[in-house]
């Protein structure tokens, strides 16, 4: 198996393309679908759900989580290799049930928008 150079991966992400990020063989030995949240479209969410078959997660900095007042789901996640998840979110406007690819993409874009506020999410 060949791997792409980092500069090519970064260029792909900047262009809104999805990439596969592979972790160490001695950890989970799996790949994650990854793309720039600002570029996500409903068809990207659909692809992740259909072919990724796992959780669709949005990575936010600690600073952004504080800005949006998103508390951690569990406080004691000091275990090595554990993931700090916040409470689940949905966009406050422009969605219906929250589960469709359109609604999920709308939520991602709302959370990463430059001027995002806690009121933009529920």
PDB file of N, CA and C in Angstrom:
ATOM      1  N   UNK A   1       0.853  -1.177   0.000  1.00  0.00           N
ATOM      2  CA  UNK A   1       0.000   0.000   0.000  1.00  0.00           C
ATOM      3  C   UNK A   1       0.896   1.236   0.000  1.00  0.00           C
ATOM      4  N   UNK A   2       0.557   2.207  -0.813  1.00  0.00           N
ATOM      5  CA  UNK A   2       1.333   3.444  -0.836  1.00  0.00           C
ATOM      6  C   UNK A   2       0.557   4.557  -0.141  1.00  0.00           C
ATOM      7  N   UNK A   3       1.296   5.504   0.400  1.00  0.00           N
ATOM      8  CA  UNK A   3       0.704   6.639   1.105  1.00  0.00           C
ATOM      9  C   UNK A   3       1.028   7.921   0.356  1.00  0.00           C
ATOM     10  N   UNK A   4       0.110   8.855   0.393  1.00  0.00           N
ATOM     11  CA  UNK A   4       0.308  10.142  -0.270  1.00  0.00           C
ATOM     12  C   UNK A   4       1.207  11.035   0.565  1.00  0.00           C
ATOM     13  N   UNK A   5       2.001  11.876  -0.090  1.00  0.00           N
ATOM     14  CA  UNK A   5       2.808  12.849   0.647  1.00  0.00           C
ATOM     15  C   UNK A   5       1.901  13.832   1.398  1.00  0.00           C
ATOM     16  N   UNK A   6       2.352  14.289   2.546  1.00  0.00           N
ATOM     17  CA  UNK A   6       1.578  15.211   3.384  1.00  0.00           C
ATOM     18  C   UNK A   6       1.138  16.439   2.597  1.00  0.00           C
ATOM     19  N   UNK A   7       2.026  16.996   1.778  1.00  0.00           N
ATOM     20  CA  UNK A   7       1.657  18.206   1.018  1.00  0.00           C
ATOM     21  C   UNK A   7       0.476  17.938   0.091  1.00  0.00           C
ATOM     22  N   UNK A   8       0.401  16.748  -0.481  1.00  0.00           N
ATOM     23  CA  UNK A   8      -0.731  16.394  -1.346  1.00  0.00           C
ATOM     24  C   UNK A   8      -2.016  16.238  -0.538  1.00  0.00           C
ATOM     25  N   UNK A   9      -1.901  15.647   0.641  1.00  0.00           N
ATOM     26  CA  UNK A   9      -3.066  15.466   1.512  1.00  0.00           C
ATOM     27  C   UNK A   9      -3.620  16.822   1.937  1.00  0.00           C
ATOM     28  N   UNK A  10      -2.736  17.722   2.332  1.00  0.00           N
ATOM     29  CA  UNK A  10      -3.159  19.066   2.739  1.00  0.00           C
ATOM     30  C   UNK A  10      -3.838  19.786   1.576  1.00  0.00           C
ATOM     31  N   UNK A  11      -3.275  19.663   0.389  1.00  0.00           N
ATOM     32  CA  UNK A  11      -3.881  20.293  -0.794  1.00  0.00           C
ATOM     33  C   UNK A  11      -5.270  19.711  -1.059  1.00  0.00           C
ATOM     34  N   UNK A  12      -5.412  18.402  -0.934  1.00  0.00           N
ATOM     35  CA  UNK A  12      -6.719  17.770  -1.135  1.00  0.00           C
ATOM     36  C   UNK A  12      -7.737  18.288  -0.125  1.00  0.00           C
ATOM     37  N   UNK A  13      -7.350  18.378   1.133  1.00  0.00           N
ATOM     38  CA  UNK A  13      -8.262  18.864   2.177  1.00  0.00           C
ATOM     39  C   UNK A  13      -8.663  20.308   1.899  1.00  0.00           C
ATOM     40  N   UNK A  14      -7.703  21.133   1.506  1.00  0.00           N
ATOM     41  CA  UNK A  14      -8.013  22.534   1.178  1.00  0.00           C
ATOM     42  C   UNK A  14      -9.004  22.646   0.027  1.00  0.00           C
ATOM     43  N   UNK A  15      -8.945  21.694  -0.897  1.00  0.00           N
ATOM     44  CA  UNK A  15      -9.846  21.694  -2.057  1.00  0.00           C
ATOM     45  C   UNK A  15     -11.204  21.075  -1.740  1.00  0.00           C
ATOM     46  N   UNK A  16     -11.379  20.602  -0.499  1.00  0.00           N
ATOM     47  CA  UNK A  16     -12.661  20.017  -0.113  1.00  0.00           C
ATOM     48  C   UNK A  16     -12.776  18.535  -0.397  1.00  0.00           C
ATOM     49  N   UNK A  17     -11.644  17.899  -0.688  1.00  0.00           N
ATOM     50  CA  UNK A  17     -11.671  16.464  -0.938  1.00  0.00           C
ATOM     51  C   UNK A  17     -11.564  15.692   0.376  1.00  0.00           C
ATOM     52  N   UNK A  18     -12.124  14.508   0.373  1.00  0.00           N
ATOM     53  CA  UNK A  18     -12.057  13.624   1.529  1.00  0.00           C
ATOM     54  C   UNK A  18     -10.792  12.771   1.414  1.00  0.00           C
ATOM     55  N   UNK A  19     -10.133  12.532   2.538  1.00  0.00           N
ATOM     56  CA  UNK A  19      -8.954  11.668   2.576  1.00  0.00           C
ATOM     57  C   UNK A  19      -9.169  10.598   3.645  1.00  0.00           C
ATOM     58  N   UNK A  20      -8.338   9.579   3.607  1.00  0.00           N
ATOM     59  CA  UNK A  20      -8.364   8.553   4.650  1.00  0.00           C
ATOM     60  C   UNK A  20      -7.109   8.723   5.489  1.00  0.00           C
ATOM     61  N   UNK A  21      -7.293   8.928   6.789  1.00  0.00           N
ATOM     62  CA  UNK A  21      -6.186   9.049   7.729  1.00  0.00           C
ATOM     63  C   UNK A  21      -6.061   7.701   8.439  1.00  0.00           C
ATOM     64  N   UNK A  22      -4.895   7.074   8.314  1.00  0.00           N
ATOM     65  CA  UNK A  22      -4.666   5.752   8.890  1.00  0.00           C
ATOM     66  C   UNK A  22      -3.850   5.902  10.163  1.00  0.00           C
ATOM     67  N   UNK A  23      -4.291   5.202  11.226  1.00  0.00           N
ATOM     68  CA  UNK A  23      -3.524   5.271  12.466  1.00  0.00           C
ATOM     69  C   UNK A  23      -2.531   4.110  12.542  1.00  0.00           C
ATOM     70  N   UNK A  24      -1.798   4.040  13.621  1.00  0.00           N
ATOM     71  CA  UNK A  24      -0.751   3.051  13.824  1.00  0.00           C
ATOM     72  C   UNK A  24      -1.307   1.627  13.901  1.00  0.00           C
ATOM     73  N   UNK A  25      -0.557   0.686  13.354  1.00  0.00           N
ATOM     74  CA  UNK A  25      -0.960  -0.725  13.410  1.00  0.00           C
ATOM     75  C   UNK A  25      -1.138  -1.207  14.843  1.00  0.00           C
ATOM     76  N   UNK A  26      -0.377  -0.636  15.768  1.00  0.00           N
ATOM     77  CA  UNK A  26      -0.424  -1.078  17.164  1.00  0.00           C
ATOM     78  C   UNK A  26      -1.489  -0.371  17.990  1.00  0.00           C
ATOM     79  N   UNK A  27      -2.224   0.509  17.375  1.00  0.00           N
ATOM     80  CA  UNK A  27      -3.316   1.162  18.098  1.00  0.00           C
ATOM     81  C   UNK A  27      -4.625   0.517  17.673  1.00  0.00           C
ATOM     82  N   UNK A  28      -5.373   1.159  16.806  1.00  0.00           N
ATOM     83  CA  UNK A  28      -6.630   0.577  16.322  1.00  0.00           C
ATOM     84  C   UNK A  28      -6.471  -0.058  14.945  1.00  0.00           C
ATOM     85  N   UNK A  29      -5.403   0.342  14.238  1.00  0.00           N
ATOM     86  CA  UNK A  29      -5.134  -0.161  12.895  1.00  0.00           C
ATOM     87  C   UNK A  29      -6.355   0.023  11.992  1.00  0.00           C
ATOM     88  N   UNK A  30      -6.815   1.261  11.924  1.00  0.00           N
ATOM     89  CA  UNK A  30      -7.984   1.576  11.107  1.00  0.00           C
ATOM     90  C   UNK A  30      -7.767   2.892  10.384  1.00  0.00           C
ATOM     91  N   UNK A  31      -8.664   3.195   9.487  1.00  0.00           N
ATOM     92  CA  UNK A  31      -8.622   4.465   8.775  1.00  0.00           C
ATOM     93  C   UNK A  31      -9.866   5.276   9.066  1.00  0.00           C
ATOM     94  N   UNK A  32      -9.708   6.584   9.075  1.00  0.00           N
ATOM     95  CA  UNK A  32     -10.827   7.501   9.290  1.00  0.00           C
ATOM     96  C   UNK A  32     -10.977   8.388   8.065  1.00  0.00           C
ATOM     97  N   UNK A  33     -12.218   8.596   7.642  1.00  0.00           N
ATOM     98  CA  UNK A  33     -12.497   9.545   6.569  1.00  0.00           C
ATOM     99  C   UNK A  33     -12.405  10.941   7.156  1.00  0.00           C
ATOM    100  N   UNK A  34     -11.695  11.824   6.480  1.00  0.00           N
ATOM    101  CA  UNK A  34     -11.417  13.145   7.015  1.00  0.00           C
ATOM    102  C   UNK A  34     -11.569  14.177   5.913  1.00  0.00           C
ATOM    103  N   UNK A  35     -12.145  15.327   6.262  1.00  0.00           N
ATOM    104  CA  UNK A  35     -12.226  16.435   5.315  1.00  0.00           C
ATOM    105  C   UNK A  35     -12.398  17.747   6.079  1.00  0.00           C
ATOM    106  N   UNK A  36     -12.215  18.855   5.404  1.00  0.00           N
ATOM    107  CA  UNK A  36     -12.404  20.165   6.021  1.00  0.00           C
ATOM    108  C   UNK A  36     -13.886  20.379   6.301  1.00  0.00           C
ATOM    109  N   UNK A  37     -14.209  20.667   7.550  1.00  0.00           N
ATOM    110  CA  UNK A  37     -15.610  20.849   7.953  1.00  0.00           C
ATOM    111  C   UNK A  37     -16.272  21.985   7.182  1.00  0.00           C
ATOM    112  N   UNK A  38     -15.523  23.016   6.868  1.00  0.00           N
ATOM    113  CA  UNK A  38     -16.075  24.167   6.156  1.00  0.00           C
ATOM    114  C   UNK A  38     -16.554  23.802   4.756  1.00  0.00           C
ATOM    115  N   UNK A  39     -16.062  22.693   4.233  1.00  0.00           N
ATOM    116  CA  UNK A  39     -16.378  22.290   2.861  1.00  0.00           C
ATOM    117  C   UNK A  39     -17.406  21.160   2.790  1.00  0.00           C
ATOM    118  N   UNK A  40     -17.862  20.656   3.933  1.00  0.00           N
ATOM    119  CA  UNK A  40     -18.721  19.466   3.934  1.00  0.00           C
ATOM    120  C   UNK A  40     -20.066  19.730   3.260  1.00  0.00           C
ATOM    121  N   UNK A  41     -20.499  18.750   2.471  1.00  0.00           N
ATOM    122  CA  UNK A  41     -21.777  18.811   1.758  1.00  0.00           C
ATOM    123  C   UNK A  41     -22.610  17.592   2.154  1.00  0.00           C
ATOM    124  N   UNK A  42     -23.904  17.628   1.922  1.00  0.00           N
ATOM    125  CA  UNK A  42     -24.724  16.457   2.250  1.00  0.00           C
ATOM    126  C   UNK A  42     -24.201  15.167   1.622  1.00  0.00           C
ATOM    127  N   UNK A  43     -23.731  15.227   0.389  1.00  0.00           N
ATOM    128  CA  UNK A  43     -23.223  14.013  -0.254  1.00  0.00           C
ATOM    129  C   UNK A  43     -21.972  13.470   0.436  1.00  0.00           C
ATOM    130  N   UNK A  44     -21.183  14.352   1.071  1.00  0.00           N
ATOM    131  CA  UNK A  44     -20.022  13.892   1.839  1.00  0.00           C
ATOM    132  C   UNK A  44     -20.472  13.140   3.090  1.00  0.00           C
ATOM    133  N   UNK A  45     -21.458  13.703   3.773  1.00  0.00           N
ATOM    134  CA  UNK A  45     -22.010  13.047   4.966  1.00  0.00           C
ATOM    135  C   UNK A  45     -22.602  11.699   4.578  1.00  0.00           C
ATOM    136  N   UNK A  46     -23.321  11.651   3.474  1.00  0.00           N
ATOM    137  CA  UNK A  46     -23.907  10.398   3.002  1.00  0.00           C
ATOM    138  C   UNK A  46     -22.819   9.362   2.715  1.00  0.00           C
ATOM    139  N   UNK A  47     -21.738   9.785   2.089  1.00  0.00           N
ATOM    140  CA  UNK A  47     -20.630   8.875   1.793  1.00  0.00           C
ATOM    141  C   UNK A  47     -20.036   8.326   3.088  1.00  0.00           C
ATOM    142  N   UNK A  48     -19.810   9.209   4.062  1.00  0.00           N
ATOM    143  CA  UNK A  48     -19.251   8.768   5.346  1.00  0.00           C
ATOM    144  C   UNK A  48     -20.156   7.742   6.024  1.00  0.00           C
ATOM    145  N   UNK A  49     -21.453   8.016   6.020  1.00  0.00           N
ATOM    146  CA  UNK A  49     -22.402   7.110   6.668  1.00  0.00           C
ATOM    147  C   UNK A  49     -22.487   5.777   5.932  1.00  0.00           C
ATOM    148  N   UNK A  50     -22.483   5.841   4.620  1.00  0.00           N
ATOM    149  CA  UNK A  50     -22.661   4.623   3.826  1.00  0.00           C
ATOM    150  C   UNK A  50     -21.417   3.748   3.800  1.00  0.00           C
ATOM    151  N   UNK A  51     -20.259   4.364   3.614  1.00  0.00           N
ATOM    152  CA  UNK A  51     -19.041   3.576   3.446  1.00  0.00           C
ATOM    153  C   UNK A  51     -18.150   3.557   4.686  1.00  0.00           C
ATOM    154  N   UNK A  52     -18.209   4.592   5.502  1.00  0.00           N
ATOM    155  CA  UNK A  52     -17.409   4.623   6.721  1.00  0.00           C
ATOM    156  C   UNK A  52     -18.003   3.742   7.810  1.00  0.00           C
ATOM    157  N   UNK A  53     -19.320   3.713   7.871  1.00  0.00           N
ATOM    158  CA  UNK A  53     -20.079   2.855   8.781  1.00  0.00           C
ATOM    159  C   UNK A  53     -19.677   2.987  10.240  1.00  0.00           C
ATOM    160  N   UNK A  54     -19.329   4.170  10.643  1.00  0.00           N
ATOM    161  CA  UNK A  54     -19.010   4.425  12.043  1.00  0.00           C
ATOM    162  C   UNK A  54     -19.603   5.753  12.453  1.00  0.00           C
ATOM    163  N   UNK A  55     -19.121   6.268  13.556  1.00  0.00           N
ATOM    164  CA  UNK A  55     -19.571   7.585  13.999  1.00  0.00           C
ATOM    165  C   UNK A  55     -19.088   8.657  13.039  1.00  0.00           C
ATOM    166  N   UNK A  56     -19.927   9.622  12.786  1.00  0.00           N
ATOM    167  CA  UNK A  56     -19.510  10.805  12.038  1.00  0.00           C
ATOM    168  C   UNK A  56     -19.277  11.877  13.087  1.00  0.00           C
ATOM    169  N   UNK A  57     -18.027  12.273  13.224  1.00  0.00           N
ATOM    170  CA  UNK A  57     -17.641  13.204  14.288  1.00  0.00           C
ATOM    171  C   UNK A  57     -17.122  14.507  13.693  1.00  0.00           C
ATOM    172  N   UNK A  58     -17.264  15.556  14.450  1.00  0.00           N
ATOM    173  CA  UNK A  58     -16.733  16.873  14.102  1.00  0.00           C
ATOM    174  C   UNK A  58     -15.655  17.212  15.116  1.00  0.00           C
ATOM    175  N   UNK A  59     -14.463  17.480  14.643  1.00  0.00           N
ATOM    176  CA  UNK A  59     -13.372  17.861  15.532  1.00  0.00           C
ATOM    177  C   UNK A  59     -13.397  19.369  15.745  1.00  0.00           C
ATOM    178  N   UNK A  60     -13.469  19.769  17.007  1.00  0.00           N
ATOM    179  CA  UNK A  60     -13.434  21.185  17.377  1.00  0.00           C
ATOM    180  C   UNK A  60     -12.336  21.397  18.404  1.00  0.00           C
ATOM    181  N   UNK A  61     -11.718  22.553  18.368  1.00  0.00           N
ATOM    182  CA  UNK A  61     -10.713  22.873  19.379  1.00  0.00           C
ATOM    183  C   UNK A  61     -11.397  23.099  20.723  1.00  0.00           C
ATOM    184  N   UNK A  62     -10.623  23.009  21.788  1.00  0.00           N
ATOM    185  CA  UNK A  62     -11.157  23.319  23.112  1.00  0.00           C
ATOM    186  C   UNK A  62     -11.692  24.734  23.168  1.00  0.00           C
ATOM    187  N   UNK A  63     -10.990  25.648  22.512  1.00  0.00           N
ATOM    188  CA  UNK A  63     -11.416  27.051  22.473  1.00  0.00           C
ATOM    189  C   UNK A  63     -12.782  27.195  21.790  1.00  0.00           C
ATOM    190  N   UNK A  64     -12.981  26.499  20.670  1.00  0.00           N
ATOM    191  CA  UNK A  64     -14.266  26.573  19.967  1.00  0.00           C
ATOM    192  C   UNK A  64     -15.377  25.953  20.814  1.00  0.00           C
ATOM    193  N   UNK A  65     -15.076  24.865  21.502  1.00  0.00           N
ATOM    194  CA  UNK A  65     -16.082  24.240  22.385  1.00  0.00           C
ATOM    195  C   UNK A  65     -16.502  25.209  23.487  1.00  0.00           C
ATOM    196  N   UNK A  66     -15.545  25.940  24.033  1.00  0.00           N
ATOM    197  CA  UNK A  66     -15.882  26.940  25.061  1.00  0.00           C
ATOM    198  C   UNK A  66     -16.719  28.059  24.454  1.00  0.00           C
ATOM    199  N   UNK A  67     -16.330  28.526  23.267  1.00  0.00           N
ATOM    200  CA  UNK A  67     -17.062  29.594  22.580  1.00  0.00           C
ATOM    201  C   UNK A  67     -18.518  29.185  22.355  1.00  0.00           C
ATOM    202  N   UNK A  68     -18.739  27.925  22.005  1.00  0.00           N
ATOM    203  CA  UNK A  68     -20.088  27.435  21.716  1.00  0.00           C
ATOM    204  C   UNK A  68     -20.776  26.847  22.950  1.00  0.00           C
ATOM    205  N   UNK A  69     -20.081  26.906  24.080  1.00  0.00           N
ATOM    206  CA  UNK A  69     -20.591  26.362  25.354  1.00  0.00           C
ATOM    207  C   UNK A  69     -20.994  24.896  25.226  1.00  0.00           C
ATOM    208  N   UNK A  70     -20.083  24.111  24.678  1.00  0.00           N
ATOM    209  CA  UNK A  70     -20.318  22.677  24.506  1.00  0.00           C
ATOM    210  C   UNK A  70     -19.568  21.909  25.590  1.00  0.00           C
ATOM    211  N   UNK A  71     -20.265  21.409  26.591  1.00  0.00           N
ATOM    212  CA  UNK A  71     -19.591  20.652  27.645  1.00  0.00           C
ATOM    213  C   UNK A  71     -19.229  19.245  27.165  1.00  0.00           C
ATOM    214  N   UNK A  72     -18.236  18.662  27.821  1.00  0.00           N
ATOM    215  CA  UNK A  72     -17.884  17.282  27.519  1.00  0.00           C
ATOM    216  C   UNK A  72     -19.011  16.356  27.958  1.00  0.00           C
ATOM    217  N   UNK A  73     -19.198  15.290  27.221  1.00  0.00           N
ATOM    218  CA  UNK A  73     -20.210  14.303  27.568  1.00  0.00           C
ATOM    219  C   UNK A  73     -19.803  13.564  28.848  1.00  0.00           C
ATOM    220  N   UNK A  74     -18.498  13.277  28.981  1.00  0.00           N
ATOM    221  CA  UNK A  74     -17.947  12.600  30.156  1.00  0.00           C
ATOM    222  C   UNK A  74     -16.722  13.386  30.596  1.00  0.00           C
ATOM    223  N   UNK A  75     -16.622  13.666  31.886  1.00  0.00           N
ATOM    224  CA  UNK A  75     -15.518  14.484  32.390  1.00  0.00           C
ATOM    225  C   UNK A  75     -14.207  13.734  32.595  1.00  0.00           C
ATOM    226  N   UNK A  76     -14.256  12.454  32.890  1.00  0.00           N
ATOM    227  CA  UNK A  76     -13.033  11.739  33.254  1.00  0.00           C
ATOM    228  C   UNK A  76     -12.501  10.878  32.114  1.00  0.00           C
ATOM    229  N   UNK A  77     -12.027  11.524  31.068  1.00  0.00           N
ATOM    230  CA  UNK A  77     -11.503  10.800  29.911  1.00  0.00           C
ATOM    231  C   UNK A  77      -9.992  10.945  29.822  1.00  0.00           C
ATOM    232  N   UNK A  78      -9.312  10.694  30.934  1.00  0.00           N
ATOM    233  CA  UNK A  78      -7.855  10.794  30.955  1.00  0.00           C
ATOM    234  C   UNK A  78      -7.178   9.524  30.448  1.00  0.00           C
ATOM    235  N   UNK A  79      -7.959   8.512  30.126  1.00  0.00           N
ATOM    236  CA  UNK A  79      -7.406   7.248  29.662  1.00  0.00           C
ATOM    237  C   UNK A  79      -6.713   7.465  28.324  1.00  0.00           C
ATOM    238  N   UNK A  80      -5.513   6.912  28.200  1.00  0.00           N
ATOM    239  CA  UNK A  80      -4.747   7.043  26.958  1.00  0.00           C
ATOM    240  C   UNK A  80      -5.579   6.512  25.787  1.00  0.00           C
ATOM    241  N   UNK A  81      -5.589   7.214  24.702  1.00  0.00           N
ATOM    242  CA  UNK A  81      -6.302   6.874  23.473  1.00  0.00           C
ATOM    243  C   UNK A  81      -7.817   7.022  23.581  1.00  0.00           C
ATOM    244  N   UNK A  82      -8.307   7.631  24.642  1.00  0.00           N
ATOM    245  CA  UNK A  82      -9.753   7.851  24.706  1.00  0.00           C
ATOM    246  C   UNK A  82     -10.084   9.159  23.986  1.00  0.00           C
ATOM    247  N   UNK A  83     -11.324   9.322  23.612  1.00  0.00           N
ATOM    248  CA  UNK A  83     -11.756  10.496  22.862  1.00  0.00           C
ATOM    249  C   UNK A  83     -12.670  11.351  23.720  1.00  0.00           C
ATOM    250  N   UNK A  84     -12.421  12.645  23.733  1.00  0.00           N
ATOM    251  CA  UNK A  84     -13.279  13.582  24.460  1.00  0.00           C
ATOM    252  C   UNK A  84     -14.425  14.012  23.560  1.00  0.00           C
ATOM    253  N   UNK A  85     -15.610  13.482  23.823  1.00  0.00           N
ATOM    254  CA  UNK A  85     -16.794  13.871  23.069  1.00  0.00           C
ATOM    255  C   UNK A  85     -17.558  14.935  23.837  1.00  0.00           C
ATOM    256  N   UNK A  86     -18.082  15.932  23.108  1.00  0.00           N
ATOM    257  CA  UNK A  86     -19.000  16.893  23.724  1.00  0.00           C
ATOM    258  C   UNK A  86     -20.410  16.318  23.619  1.00  0.00           C
ATOM    259  N   UNK A  87     -21.342  17.048  24.164  1.00  0.00           N
ATOM    260  CA  UNK A  87     -22.740  16.671  23.968  1.00  0.00           C
ATOM    261  C   UNK A  87     -23.043  16.724  22.471  1.00  0.00           C
ATOM    262  N   UNK A  88     -24.030  15.993  22.034  1.00  0.00           N
ATOM    263  CA  UNK A  88     -24.434  16.014  20.627  1.00  0.00           C
ATOM    264  C   UNK A  88     -25.054  17.367  20.291  1.00  0.00           C
ATOM    265  N   UNK A  89     -24.885  17.782  19.045  1.00  0.00           N
ATOM    266  CA  UNK A  89     -25.407  19.083  18.622  1.00  0.00           C
ATOM    267  C   UNK A  89     -26.214  18.960  17.338  1.00  0.00           C
ATOM    268  N   UNK A  90     -27.054  19.955  17.118  1.00  0.00           N
ATOM    269  CA  UNK A  90     -27.780  20.151  15.861  1.00  0.00           C
ATOM    270  C   UNK A  90     -27.814  21.649  15.588  1.00  0.00           C
ATOM    271  N   UNK A  91     -27.876  22.004  14.327  1.00  0.00           N
ATOM    272  CA  UNK A  91     -28.045  23.416  13.980  1.00  0.00           C
ATOM    273  C   UNK A  91     -29.394  23.887  14.500  1.00  0.00           C
ATOM    274  N   UNK A  92     -29.453  25.105  14.973  1.00  0.00           N
ATOM    275  CA  UNK A  92     -30.705  25.655  15.512  1.00  0.00           C
ATOM    276  C   UNK A  92     -31.701  25.980  14.405  1.00  0.00           C
ATOM    277  N   UNK A  93     -31.206  26.232  13.200  1.00  0.00           N
ATOM    278  CA  UNK A  93     -32.081  26.585  12.080  1.00  0.00           C
ATOM    279  C   UNK A  93     -31.668  25.833  10.828  1.00  0.00           C
ATOM    280  N   UNK A  94     -32.625  25.630   9.935  1.00  0.00           N
ATOM    281  CA  UNK A  94     -32.328  25.040   8.635  1.00  0.00           C
ATOM    282  C   UNK A  94     -32.295  23.527   8.602  1.00  0.00           C
ATOM    283  N   UNK A  95     -32.794  22.880   9.662  1.00  0.00           N
ATOM    284  CA  UNK A  95     -32.827  21.422   9.685  1.00  0.00           C
ATOM    285  C   UNK A  95     -34.231  20.938  10.021  1.00  0.00           C
ATOM    286  N   UNK A  96     -34.457  19.650   9.834  1.00  0.00           N
ATOM    287  CA  UNK A  96     -35.747  19.053  10.216  1.00  0.00           C
ATOM    288  C   UNK A  96     -35.514  18.103  11.387  1.00  0.00           C
ATOM    289  N   UNK A  97     -35.287  16.824  11.112  1.00  0.00           N
ATOM    290  CA  UNK A  97     -35.095  15.844  12.194  1.00  0.00           C
ATOM    291  C   UNK A  97     -33.680  15.831  12.748  1.00  0.00           C
ATOM    292  N   UNK A  98     -32.720  16.360  11.986  1.00  0.00           N
ATOM    293  CA  UNK A  98     -31.328  16.365  12.418  1.00  0.00           C
ATOM    294  C   UNK A  98     -30.536  15.159  11.960  1.00  0.00           C
ATOM    295  N   UNK A  99     -31.183  14.143  11.438  1.00  0.00           N
ATOM    296  CA  UNK A  99     -30.498  12.905  11.084  1.00  0.00           C
ATOM    297  C   UNK A  99     -30.108  12.810   9.610  1.00  0.00           C
ATOM    298  N   UNK A 100     -30.762  13.561   8.741  1.00  0.00           N
ATOM    299  CA  UNK A 100     -30.463  13.460   7.305  1.00  0.00           C
ATOM    300  C   UNK A 100     -29.066  13.993   7.011  1.00  0.00           C
ATOM    301  N   UNK A 101     -28.540  13.585   5.865  1.00  0.00           N
ATOM    302  CA  UNK A 101     -27.228  14.078   5.441  1.00  0.00           C
ATOM    303  C   UNK A 101     -27.244  15.599   5.316  1.00  0.00           C
ATOM    304  N   UNK A 102     -28.335  16.150   4.797  1.00  0.00           N
ATOM    305  CA  UNK A 102     -28.468  17.605   4.692  1.00  0.00           C
ATOM    306  C   UNK A 102     -28.398  18.246   6.074  1.00  0.00           C
ATOM    307  N   UNK A 103     -29.144  17.715   7.025  1.00  0.00           N
ATOM    308  CA  UNK A 103     -29.179  18.290   8.371  1.00  0.00           C
ATOM    309  C   UNK A 103     -27.823  18.188   9.061  1.00  0.00           C
ATOM    310  N   UNK A 104     -27.159  17.063   8.890  1.00  0.00           N
ATOM    311  CA  UNK A 104     -25.842  16.888   9.517  1.00  0.00           C
ATOM    312  C   UNK A 104     -24.817  17.848   8.915  1.00  0.00           C
ATOM    313  N   UNK A 105     -24.830  17.989   7.591  1.00  0.00           N
ATOM    314  CA  UNK A 105     -23.908  18.927   6.946  1.00  0.00           C
ATOM    315  C   UNK A 105     -24.201  20.351   7.398  1.00  0.00           C
ATOM    316  N   UNK A 106     -25.457  20.701   7.512  1.00  0.00           N
ATOM    317  CA  UNK A 106     -25.858  22.035   7.985  1.00  0.00           C
ATOM    318  C   UNK A 106     -25.347  22.267   9.403  1.00  0.00           C
ATOM    319  N   UNK A 107     -25.446  21.258  10.261  1.00  0.00           N
ATOM    320  CA  UNK A 107     -24.959  21.371  11.641  1.00  0.00           C
ATOM    321  C   UNK A 107     -23.453  21.572  11.675  1.00  0.00           C
ATOM    322  N   UNK A 108     -22.727  20.808  10.889  1.00  0.00           N
ATOM    323  CA  UNK A 108     -21.267  20.959  10.840  1.00  0.00           C
ATOM    324  C   UNK A 108     -20.912  22.375  10.420  1.00  0.00           C
ATOM    325  N   UNK A 109     -21.520  22.858   9.361  1.00  0.00           N
ATOM    326  CA  UNK A 109     -21.208  24.210   8.873  1.00  0.00           C
ATOM    327  C   UNK A 109     -21.591  25.278   9.892  1.00  0.00           C
ATOM    328  N   UNK A 110     -22.683  25.072  10.618  1.00  0.00           N
ATOM    329  CA  UNK A 110     -23.082  26.037  11.653  1.00  0.00           C
ATOM    330  C   UNK A 110     -22.056  26.075  12.782  1.00  0.00           C
ATOM    331  N   UNK A 111     -21.532  24.924  13.159  1.00  0.00           N
ATOM    332  CA  UNK A 111     -20.582  24.856  14.273  1.00  0.00           C
ATOM    333  C   UNK A 111     -19.221  25.452  13.933  1.00  0.00           C
ATOM    334  N   UNK A 112     -18.834  25.409  12.669  1.00  0.00           N
ATOM    335  CA  UNK A 112     -17.512  25.919  12.293  1.00  0.00           C
ATOM    336  C   UNK A 112     -17.559  27.289  11.629  1.00  0.00           C
ATOM    337  N   UNK A 113     -18.736  27.863  11.491  1.00  0.00           N
ATOM    338  CA  UNK A 113     -18.854  29.197  10.886  1.00  0.00           C
ATOM    339  C   UNK A 113     -18.040  30.208  11.687  1.00  0.00           C
ATOM    340  N   UNK A 114     -17.463  31.164  10.993  1.00  0.00           N
ATOM    341  CA  UNK A 114     -16.581  32.145  11.635  1.00  0.00           C
ATOM    342  C   UNK A 114     -17.222  32.826  12.839  1.00  0.00           C
ATOM    343  N   UNK A 115     -18.447  33.237  12.730  1.00  0.00           N
ATOM    344  CA  UNK A 115     -19.100  33.950  13.828  1.00  0.00           C
ATOM    345  C   UNK A 115     -20.042  33.084  14.646  1.00  0.00           C
ATOM    346  N   UNK A 116     -19.793  31.792  14.679  1.00  0.00           N
ATOM    347  CA  UNK A 116     -20.711  30.870  15.368  1.00  0.00           C
ATOM    348  C   UNK A 116     -20.899  31.247  16.832  1.00  0.00           C
ATOM    349  N   UNK A 117     -22.165  31.138  17.283  1.00  0.00           N
ATOM    350  CA  UNK A 117     -22.524  31.436  18.674  1.00  0.00           C
ATOM    351  C   UNK A 117     -23.273  30.243  19.255  1.00  0.00           C
ATOM    352  N   UNK A 118     -23.338  30.139  20.569  1.00  0.00           N
ATOM    353  CA  UNK A 118     -24.085  29.036  21.185  1.00  0.00           C
ATOM    354  C   UNK A 118     -25.524  28.954  20.682  1.00  0.00           C
ATOM    355  N   UNK A 119     -26.126  30.090  20.375  1.00  0.00           N
ATOM    356  CA  UNK A 119     -27.509  30.130  19.910  1.00  0.00           C
ATOM    357  C   UNK A 119     -27.692  29.496  18.533  1.00  0.00           C
ATOM    358  N   UNK A 120     -26.593  29.309  17.798  1.00  0.00           N
ATOM    359  CA  UNK A 120     -26.667  28.709  16.469  1.00  0.00           C
ATOM    360  C   UNK A 120     -26.835  27.193  16.527  1.00  0.00           C
ATOM    361  N   UNK A 121     -26.671  26.641  17.723  1.00  0.00           N
ATOM    362  CA  UNK A 121     -26.766  25.193  17.920  1.00  0.00           C
ATOM    363  C   UNK A 121     -27.770  24.873  19.006  1.00  0.00           C
ATOM    364  N   UNK A 122     -28.245  23.646  18.980  1.00  0.00           N
ATOM    365  CA  UNK A 122     -29.087  23.172  20.078  1.00  0.00           C
ATOM    366  C   UNK A 122     -28.731  21.736  20.377  1.00  0.00           C
TER     367      UNK A 122
END
